[in-house]
Amino acid sequence: LRFRADPLVFIGIAVSAIALIPYALSSAEFTPL
């Protein structure tokens, strides 16, 4: 079993995390869960 790095994956993780921020902030208005 070998690992093959791909910059696309890490770029995808980064942009997804950034895109999730607005939802994370708005849904925190009525915390706690």
PDB file of all heavy atoms in Angstrom:
ATOM      1  N   LEU A   1       0.846  -1.173   0.000  1.00  0.00           N
ATOM      2  CA  LEU A   1       0.000   0.000   0.000  1.00  0.00           C
ATOM      3  C   LEU A   1       0.892   1.236   0.000  1.00  0.00           C
ATOM      4  O   LEU A   1       1.678   1.452   0.917  1.00  0.00           O
ATOM      5  CB  LEU A   1      -0.908   0.006   1.231  1.00  0.00           C
ATOM      6  CG  LEU A   1      -1.974   1.110   1.302  1.00  0.00           C
ATOM      7  CD1 LEU A   1      -2.971   0.984   0.148  1.00  0.00           C
ATOM      8  CD2 LEU A   1      -2.721   1.056   2.640  1.00  0.00           C
ATOM      9  N   ARG A   2       0.752   2.031  -1.047  1.00  0.00           N
ATOM     10  CA  ARG A   2       1.614   3.200  -1.199  1.00  0.00           C
ATOM     11  C   ARG A   2       0.794   4.482  -1.243  1.00  0.00           C
ATOM     12  O   ARG A   2      -0.361   4.484  -1.660  1.00  0.00           O
ATOM     13  CB  ARG A   2       2.460   3.079  -2.463  1.00  0.00           C
ATOM     14  CG  ARG A   2       3.374   1.856  -2.453  1.00  0.00           C
ATOM     15  CD  ARG A   2       4.266   1.812  -3.673  1.00  0.00           C
ATOM     16  NE  ARG A   2       5.089   0.619  -3.702  1.00  0.00           N
ATOM     17  CZ  ARG A   2       6.250   0.482  -3.062  1.00  0.00           C
ATOM     18  NH1 ARG A   2       6.712   1.499  -2.341  1.00  0.00           N
ATOM     19  NH2 ARG A   2       6.944  -0.632  -3.150  1.00  0.00           N
ATOM     20  N   PHE A   3       1.446   5.574  -0.825  1.00  0.00           N
ATOM     21  CA  PHE A   3       0.806   6.886  -0.794  1.00  0.00           C
ATOM     22  C   PHE A   3       1.349   7.745  -1.927  1.00  0.00           C
ATOM     23  O   PHE A   3       2.568   7.803  -2.159  1.00  0.00           O
ATOM     24  CB  PHE A   3       1.076   7.573   0.553  1.00  0.00           C
ATOM     25  CG  PHE A   3       0.503   8.960   0.661  1.00  0.00           C
ATOM     26  CD1 PHE A   3      -0.845   9.142   0.932  1.00  0.00           C
ATOM     27  CD2 PHE A   3       1.305  10.079   0.486  1.00  0.00           C
ATOM     28  CE1 PHE A   3      -1.379  10.424   1.042  1.00  0.00           C
ATOM     29  CE2 PHE A   3       0.784  11.352   0.590  1.00  0.00           C
ATOM     30  CZ  PHE A   3      -0.566  11.527   0.868  1.00  0.00           C
ATOM     31  N   ARG A   4       0.409   8.408  -2.636  1.00  0.00           N
ATOM     32  CA  ARG A   4       0.808   9.284  -3.730  1.00  0.00           C
ATOM     33  C   ARG A   4       0.191  10.649  -3.492  1.00  0.00           C
ATOM     34  O   ARG A   4      -1.042  10.818  -3.572  1.00  0.00           O
ATOM     35  CB  ARG A   4       0.335   8.713  -5.059  1.00  0.00           C
ATOM     36  CG  ARG A   4       0.703   9.559  -6.281  1.00  0.00           C
ATOM     37  CD  ARG A   4       0.267   8.857  -7.552  1.00  0.00           C
ATOM     38  NE  ARG A   4      -1.153   8.543  -7.492  1.00  0.00           N
ATOM     39  CZ  ARG A   4      -1.717   7.534  -8.155  1.00  0.00           C
ATOM     40  NH1 ARG A   4      -0.966   6.712  -8.876  1.00  0.00           N
ATOM     41  NH2 ARG A   4      -3.016   7.310  -8.065  1.00  0.00           N
ATOM     42  N   ALA A   5       1.017  11.621  -3.170  1.00  0.00           N
ATOM     43  CA  ALA A   5       0.528  12.969  -2.853  1.00  0.00           C
ATOM     44  C   ALA A   5      -0.064  13.632  -4.095  1.00  0.00           C
ATOM     45  O   ALA A   5       0.415  13.429  -5.206  1.00  0.00           O
ATOM     46  CB  ALA A   5       1.666  13.821  -2.293  1.00  0.00           C
ATOM     47  N   ASP A   6      -1.113  14.418  -3.855  1.00  0.00           N
ATOM     48  CA  ASP A   6      -1.741  15.158  -4.945  1.00  0.00           C
ATOM     49  C   ASP A   6      -2.146  16.523  -4.395  1.00  0.00           C
ATOM     50  O   ASP A   6      -3.017  16.615  -3.525  1.00  0.00           O
ATOM     51  CB  ASP A   6      -2.967  14.404  -5.459  1.00  0.00           C
ATOM     52  CG  ASP A   6      -3.587  15.078  -6.678  1.00  0.00           C
ATOM     53  OD1 ASP A   6      -3.220  16.239  -6.975  1.00  0.00           O
ATOM     54  OD2 ASP A   6      -4.445  14.453  -7.336  1.00  0.00           O
ATOM     55  N   PRO A   7      -1.544  17.588  -4.893  1.00  0.00           N
ATOM     56  CA  PRO A   7      -1.863  18.935  -4.392  1.00  0.00           C
ATOM     57  C   PRO A   7      -3.345  19.270  -4.493  1.00  0.00           C
ATOM     58  O   PRO A   7      -3.862  20.051  -3.687  1.00  0.00           O
ATOM     59  CB  PRO A   7      -1.035  19.856  -5.298  1.00  0.00           C
ATOM     60  CG  PRO A   7       0.073  18.990  -5.817  1.00  0.00           C
ATOM     61  CD  PRO A   7      -0.501  17.615  -5.933  1.00  0.00           C
ATOM     62  N   LEU A   8      -4.035  18.681  -5.475  1.00  0.00           N
ATOM     63  CA  LEU A   8      -5.458  18.968  -5.652  1.00  0.00           C
ATOM     64  C   LEU A   8      -6.252  18.665  -4.383  1.00  0.00           C
ATOM     65  O   LEU A   8      -7.154  19.418  -4.008  1.00  0.00           O
ATOM     66  CB  LEU A   8      -6.021  18.149  -6.817  1.00  0.00           C
ATOM     67  CG  LEU A   8      -7.541  18.205  -6.987  1.00  0.00           C
ATOM     68  CD1 LEU A   8      -7.975  19.576  -7.479  1.00  0.00           C
ATOM     69  CD2 LEU A   8      -8.026  17.115  -7.921  1.00  0.00           C
ATOM     70  N   VAL A   9      -5.902  17.563  -3.724  1.00  0.00           N
ATOM     71  CA  VAL A   9      -6.637  17.155  -2.530  1.00  0.00           C
ATOM     72  C   VAL A   9      -6.499  18.207  -1.433  1.00  0.00           C
ATOM     73  O   VAL A   9      -7.482  18.591  -0.790  1.00  0.00           O
ATOM     74  CB  VAL A   9      -6.155  15.787  -2.034  1.00  0.00           C
ATOM     75  CG1 VAL A   9      -6.880  15.406  -0.746  1.00  0.00           C
ATOM     76  CG2 VAL A   9      -6.371  14.731  -3.110  1.00  0.00           C
ATOM     77  N   PHE A  10      -5.313  18.676  -1.228  1.00  0.00           N
ATOM     78  CA  PHE A  10      -5.074  19.630  -0.153  1.00  0.00           C
ATOM     79  C   PHE A  10      -5.650  21.008  -0.498  1.00  0.00           C
ATOM     80  O   PHE A  10      -6.144  21.728   0.388  1.00  0.00           O
ATOM     81  CB  PHE A  10      -3.578  19.714   0.126  1.00  0.00           C
ATOM     82  CG  PHE A  10      -2.992  18.382   0.493  1.00  0.00           C
ATOM     83  CD1 PHE A  10      -2.223  17.670  -0.430  1.00  0.00           C
ATOM     84  CD2 PHE A  10      -3.243  17.808   1.729  1.00  0.00           C
ATOM     85  CE1 PHE A  10      -1.707  16.428  -0.104  1.00  0.00           C
ATOM     86  CE2 PHE A  10      -2.721  16.564   2.055  1.00  0.00           C
ATOM     87  CZ  PHE A  10      -1.959  15.876   1.131  1.00  0.00           C
ATOM     88  N   ILE A  11      -5.647  21.352  -1.777  1.00  0.00           N
ATOM     89  CA  ILE A  11      -6.318  22.579  -2.209  1.00  0.00           C
ATOM     90  C   ILE A  11      -7.820  22.445  -1.979  1.00  0.00           C
ATOM     91  O   ILE A  11      -8.483  23.372  -1.505  1.00  0.00           O
ATOM     92  CB  ILE A  11      -6.018  22.869  -3.700  1.00  0.00           C
ATOM     93  CG1 ILE A  11      -4.541  23.192  -3.884  1.00  0.00           C
ATOM     94  CG2 ILE A  11      -6.878  24.019  -4.201  1.00  0.00           C
ATOM     95  CD1 ILE A  11      -4.120  23.318  -5.342  1.00  0.00           C
ATOM     96  N   GLY A  12      -8.366  21.262  -2.319  1.00  0.00           N
ATOM     97  CA  GLY A  12      -9.787  21.006  -2.122  1.00  0.00           C
ATOM     98  C   GLY A  12     -10.186  21.113  -0.663  1.00  0.00           C
ATOM     99  O   GLY A  12     -11.236  21.684  -0.330  1.00  0.00           O
ATOM    100  N   ILE A  13      -9.357  20.547   0.229  1.00  0.00           N
ATOM    101  CA  ILE A  13      -9.643  20.631   1.660  1.00  0.00           C
ATOM    102  C   ILE A  13      -9.645  22.088   2.118  1.00  0.00           C
ATOM    103  O   ILE A  13     -10.529  22.524   2.874  1.00  0.00           O
ATOM    104  CB  ILE A  13      -8.614  19.812   2.463  1.00  0.00           C
ATOM    105  CG1 ILE A  13      -8.777  18.317   2.173  1.00  0.00           C
ATOM    106  CG2 ILE A  13      -8.762  20.087   3.961  1.00  0.00           C
ATOM    107  CD1 ILE A  13      -7.701  17.453   2.803  1.00  0.00           C
ATOM    108  N   ALA A  14      -8.674  22.861   1.646  1.00  0.00           N
ATOM    109  CA  ALA A  14      -8.551  24.256   2.060  1.00  0.00           C
ATOM    110  C   ALA A  14      -9.743  25.087   1.596  1.00  0.00           C
ATOM    111  O   ALA A  14     -10.353  25.824   2.398  1.00  0.00           O
ATOM    112  CB  ALA A  14      -7.251  24.844   1.511  1.00  0.00           C
ATOM    113  N   VAL A  15     -10.099  24.981   0.324  1.00  0.00           N
ATOM    114  CA  VAL A  15     -11.202  25.819  -0.183  1.00  0.00           C
ATOM    115  C   VAL A  15     -12.540  25.369   0.410  1.00  0.00           C
ATOM    116  O   VAL A  15     -13.428  26.202   0.647  1.00  0.00           O
ATOM    117  CB  VAL A  15     -11.254  25.793  -1.730  1.00  0.00           C
ATOM    118  CG1 VAL A  15      -9.983  26.371  -2.329  1.00  0.00           C
ATOM    119  CG2 VAL A  15     -11.519  24.410  -2.270  1.00  0.00           C
ATOM    120  N   SER A  16     -12.681  24.072   0.670  1.00  0.00           N
ATOM    121  CA  SER A  16     -13.920  23.591   1.291  1.00  0.00           C
ATOM    122  C   SER A  16     -14.058  24.131   2.705  1.00  0.00           C
ATOM    123  O   SER A  16     -15.149  24.541   3.128  1.00  0.00           O
ATOM    124  CB  SER A  16     -13.939  22.061   1.320  1.00  0.00           C
ATOM    125  OG  SER A  16     -13.915  21.519   0.020  1.00  0.00           O
ATOM    126  N   ALA A  17     -12.947  24.123   3.437  1.00  0.00           N
ATOM    127  CA  ALA A  17     -12.971  24.640   4.805  1.00  0.00           C
ATOM    128  C   ALA A  17     -13.344  26.120   4.819  1.00  0.00           C
ATOM    129  O   ALA A  17     -14.138  26.571   5.661  1.00  0.00           O
ATOM    130  CB  ALA A  17     -11.615  24.425   5.467  1.00  0.00           C
ATOM    131  N   ILE A  18     -12.792  26.874   3.884  1.00  0.00           N
ATOM    132  CA  ILE A  18     -13.107  28.308   3.800  1.00  0.00           C
ATOM    133  C   ILE A  18     -14.585  28.506   3.451  1.00  0.00           C
ATOM    134  O   ILE A  18     -15.271  29.348   4.028  1.00  0.00           O
ATOM    135  CB  ILE A  18     -12.202  28.999   2.758  1.00  0.00           C
ATOM    136  CG1 ILE A  18     -10.746  28.978   3.240  1.00  0.00           C
ATOM    137  CG2 ILE A  18     -12.663  30.437   2.508  1.00  0.00           C
ATOM    138  CD1 ILE A  18      -9.747  29.450   2.198  1.00  0.00           C
ATOM    139  N   ALA A  19     -15.081  27.689   2.499  1.00  0.00           N
ATOM    140  CA  ALA A  19     -16.476  27.817   2.073  1.00  0.00           C
ATOM    141  C   ALA A  19     -17.453  27.421   3.172  1.00  0.00           C
ATOM    142  O   ALA A  19     -18.610  27.860   3.168  1.00  0.00           O
ATOM    143  CB  ALA A  19     -16.711  26.966   0.829  1.00  0.00           C
ATOM    144  N   LEU A  20     -17.002  26.596   4.115  1.00  0.00           N
ATOM    145  CA  LEU A  20     -17.870  26.159   5.211  1.00  0.00           C
ATOM    146  C   LEU A  20     -17.983  27.199   6.323  1.00  0.00           C
ATOM    147  O   LEU A  20     -18.881  27.114   7.172  1.00  0.00           O
ATOM    148  CB  LEU A  20     -17.353  24.845   5.809  1.00  0.00           C
ATOM    149  CG  LEU A  20     -17.601  23.567   5.008  1.00  0.00           C
ATOM    150  CD1 LEU A  20     -16.836  22.405   5.612  1.00  0.00           C
ATOM    151  CD2 LEU A  20     -19.096  23.248   4.963  1.00  0.00           C
ATOM    152  N   ILE A  21     -17.094  28.173   6.343  1.00  0.00           N
ATOM    153  CA  ILE A  21     -17.061  29.140   7.441  1.00  0.00           C
ATOM    154  C   ILE A  21     -18.378  29.897   7.599  1.00  0.00           C
ATOM    155  O   ILE A  21     -18.897  30.023   8.725  1.00  0.00           O
ATOM    156  CB  ILE A  21     -15.873  30.113   7.259  1.00  0.00           C
ATOM    157  CG1 ILE A  21     -14.560  29.366   7.516  1.00  0.00           C
ATOM    158  CG2 ILE A  21     -15.993  31.302   8.210  1.00  0.00           C
ATOM    159  CD1 ILE A  21     -13.315  30.205   7.246  1.00  0.00           C
ATOM    160  N   PRO A  22     -18.969  30.439   6.516  1.00  0.00           N
ATOM    161  CA  PRO A  22     -20.239  31.180   6.706  1.00  0.00           C
ATOM    162  C   PRO A  22     -21.332  30.329   7.354  1.00  0.00           C
ATOM    163  O   PRO A  22     -22.068  30.827   8.221  1.00  0.00           O
ATOM    164  CB  PRO A  22     -20.622  31.590   5.274  1.00  0.00           C
ATOM    165  CG  PRO A  22     -19.337  31.605   4.527  1.00  0.00           C
ATOM    166  CD  PRO A  22     -18.510  30.501   5.116  1.00  0.00           C
ATOM    167  N   TYR A  23     -21.433  29.068   6.943  1.00  0.00           N
ATOM    168  CA  TYR A  23     -22.459  28.198   7.522  1.00  0.00           C
ATOM    169  C   TYR A  23     -22.146  27.903   8.987  1.00  0.00           C
ATOM    170  O   TYR A  23     -23.049  27.899   9.835  1.00  0.00           O
ATOM    171  CB  TYR A  23     -22.557  26.890   6.747  1.00  0.00           C
ATOM    172  CG  TYR A  23     -23.574  25.931   7.320  1.00  0.00           C
ATOM    173  CD1 TYR A  23     -24.931  26.166   7.168  1.00  0.00           C
ATOM    174  CD2 TYR A  23     -23.173  24.801   8.035  1.00  0.00           C
ATOM    175  CE1 TYR A  23     -25.879  25.302   7.703  1.00  0.00           C
ATOM    176  CE2 TYR A  23     -24.109  23.929   8.569  1.00  0.00           C
ATOM    177  CZ  TYR A  23     -25.452  24.190   8.405  1.00  0.00           C
ATOM    178  OH  TYR A  23     -26.378  23.327   8.945  1.00  0.00           O
ATOM    179  N   ALA A  24     -20.865  27.658   9.281  1.00  0.00           N
ATOM    180  CA  ALA A  24     -20.469  27.370  10.662  1.00  0.00           C
ATOM    181  C   ALA A  24     -20.791  28.544  11.577  1.00  0.00           C
ATOM    182  O   ALA A  24     -21.265  28.360  12.710  1.00  0.00           O
ATOM    183  CB  ALA A  24     -18.985  27.038  10.717  1.00  0.00           C
ATOM    184  N   LEU A  25     -20.569  29.751  11.093  1.00  0.00           N
ATOM    185  CA  LEU A  25     -20.831  30.936  11.908  1.00  0.00           C
ATOM    186  C   LEU A  25     -22.324  31.157  12.112  1.00  0.00           C
ATOM    187  O   LEU A  25     -22.777  31.449  13.228  1.00  0.00           O
ATOM    188  CB  LEU A  25     -20.201  32.172  11.252  1.00  0.00           C
ATOM    189  CG  LEU A  25     -18.666  32.206  11.215  1.00  0.00           C
ATOM    190  CD1 LEU A  25     -18.182  33.426  10.443  1.00  0.00           C
ATOM    191  CD2 LEU A  25     -18.098  32.222  12.633  1.00  0.00           C
ATOM    192  N   SER A  26     -23.108  31.011  11.039  1.00  0.00           N
ATOM    193  CA  SER A  26     -24.551  31.271  11.155  1.00  0.00           C
ATOM    194  C   SER A  26     -25.244  30.211  12.012  1.00  0.00           C
ATOM    195  O   SER A  26     -26.118  30.531  12.826  1.00  0.00           O
ATOM    196  CB  SER A  26     -25.201  31.327   9.775  1.00  0.00           C
ATOM    197  OG  SER A  26     -25.135  30.064   9.127  1.00  0.00           O
ATOM    198  N   SER A  27     -24.842  28.952  11.850  1.00  0.00           N
ATOM    199  CA  SER A  27     -25.500  27.879  12.613  1.00  0.00           C
ATOM    200  C   SER A  27     -25.108  27.899  14.083  1.00  0.00           C
ATOM    201  O   SER A  27     -25.738  27.225  14.906  1.00  0.00           O
ATOM    202  CB  SER A  27     -25.163  26.516  11.998  1.00  0.00           C
ATOM    203  OG  SER A  27     -23.773  26.274  12.020  1.00  0.00           O
ATOM    204  N   ALA A  28     -24.067  28.664  14.419  1.00  0.00           N
ATOM    205  CA  ALA A  28     -23.643  28.765  15.823  1.00  0.00           C
ATOM    206  C   ALA A  28     -24.480  29.771  16.607  1.00  0.00           C
ATOM    207  O   ALA A  28     -24.302  29.916  17.817  1.00  0.00           O
ATOM    208  CB  ALA A  28     -22.173  29.157  15.888  1.00  0.00           C
ATOM    209  N   GLU A  29     -25.412  30.445  15.937  1.00  0.00           N
ATOM    210  CA  GLU A  29     -26.201  31.484  16.600  1.00  0.00           C
ATOM    211  C   GLU A  29     -27.032  30.940  17.749  1.00  0.00           C
ATOM    212  O   GLU A  29     -27.283  31.636  18.738  1.00  0.00           O
ATOM    213  CB  GLU A  29     -27.111  32.163  15.571  1.00  0.00           C
ATOM    214  CG  GLU A  29     -27.954  33.280  16.143  1.00  0.00           C
ATOM    215  CD  GLU A  29     -28.804  33.971  15.086  1.00  0.00           C
ATOM    216  OE1 GLU A  29     -28.619  33.694  13.885  1.00  0.00           O
ATOM    217  OE2 GLU A  29     -29.659  34.807  15.472  1.00  0.00           O
ATOM    218  N   PHE A  30     -27.476  29.679  17.619  1.00  0.00           N
ATOM    219  CA  PHE A  30     -28.362  29.108  18.638  1.00  0.00           C
ATOM    220  C   PHE A  30     -27.708  27.922  19.366  1.00  0.00           C
ATOM    221  O   PHE A  30     -28.385  26.983  19.758  1.00  0.00           O
ATOM    222  CB  PHE A  30     -29.684  28.684  18.002  1.00  0.00           C
ATOM    223  CG  PHE A  30     -30.527  29.841  17.564  1.00  0.00           C
ATOM    224  CD1 PHE A  30     -30.468  30.285  16.250  1.00  0.00           C
ATOM    225  CD2 PHE A  30     -31.359  30.496  18.458  1.00  0.00           C
ATOM    226  CE1 PHE A  30     -31.243  31.358  15.823  1.00  0.00           C
ATOM    227  CE2 PHE A  30     -32.129  31.566  18.049  1.00  0.00           C
ATOM    228  CZ  PHE A  30     -32.073  32.006  16.731  1.00  0.00           C
ATOM    229  N   THR A  31     -26.406  27.970  19.508  1.00  0.00           N
ATOM    230  CA  THR A  31     -25.710  26.936  20.274  1.00  0.00           C
ATOM    231  C   THR A  31     -26.129  27.033  21.744  1.00  0.00           C
ATOM    232  O   THR A  31     -26.670  28.052  22.175  1.00  0.00           O
ATOM    233  CB  THR A  31     -24.187  27.130  20.140  1.00  0.00           C
ATOM    234  OG1 THR A  31     -23.865  28.479  20.498  1.00  0.00           O
ATOM    235  CG2 THR A  31     -23.730  26.830  18.730  1.00  0.00           C
ATOM    236  N   PRO A  32     -25.887  25.951  22.534  1.00  0.00           N
ATOM    237  CA  PRO A  32     -25.103  24.767  22.167  1.00  0.00           C
ATOM    238  C   PRO A  32     -25.948  23.698  21.471  1.00  0.00           C
ATOM    239  O   PRO A  32     -27.178  23.681  21.597  1.00  0.00           O
ATOM    240  CB  PRO A  32     -24.599  24.259  23.517  1.00  0.00           C
ATOM    241  CG  PRO A  32     -25.713  24.623  24.458  1.00  0.00           C
ATOM    242  CD  PRO A  32     -26.230  25.956  23.969  1.00  0.00           C
ATOM    243  N   LEU A  33     -25.253  22.821  20.767  1.00  0.00           N
ATOM    244  CA  LEU A  33     -25.874  21.633  20.199  1.00  0.00           C
ATOM    245  C   LEU A  33     -26.025  20.599  21.310  1.00  0.00           C
ATOM    246  O   LEU A  33     -25.184  20.513  22.208  1.00  0.00           O
ATOM    247  CB  LEU A  33     -24.991  21.085  19.087  1.00  0.00           C
ATOM    248  CG  LEU A  33     -25.597  20.110  18.080  1.00  0.00           C
ATOM    249  CD1 LEU A  33     -26.674  20.790  17.260  1.00  0.00           C
ATOM    250  CD2 LEU A  33     -24.501  19.565  17.158  1.00  0.00           C
TER     251      LEU A  33
END
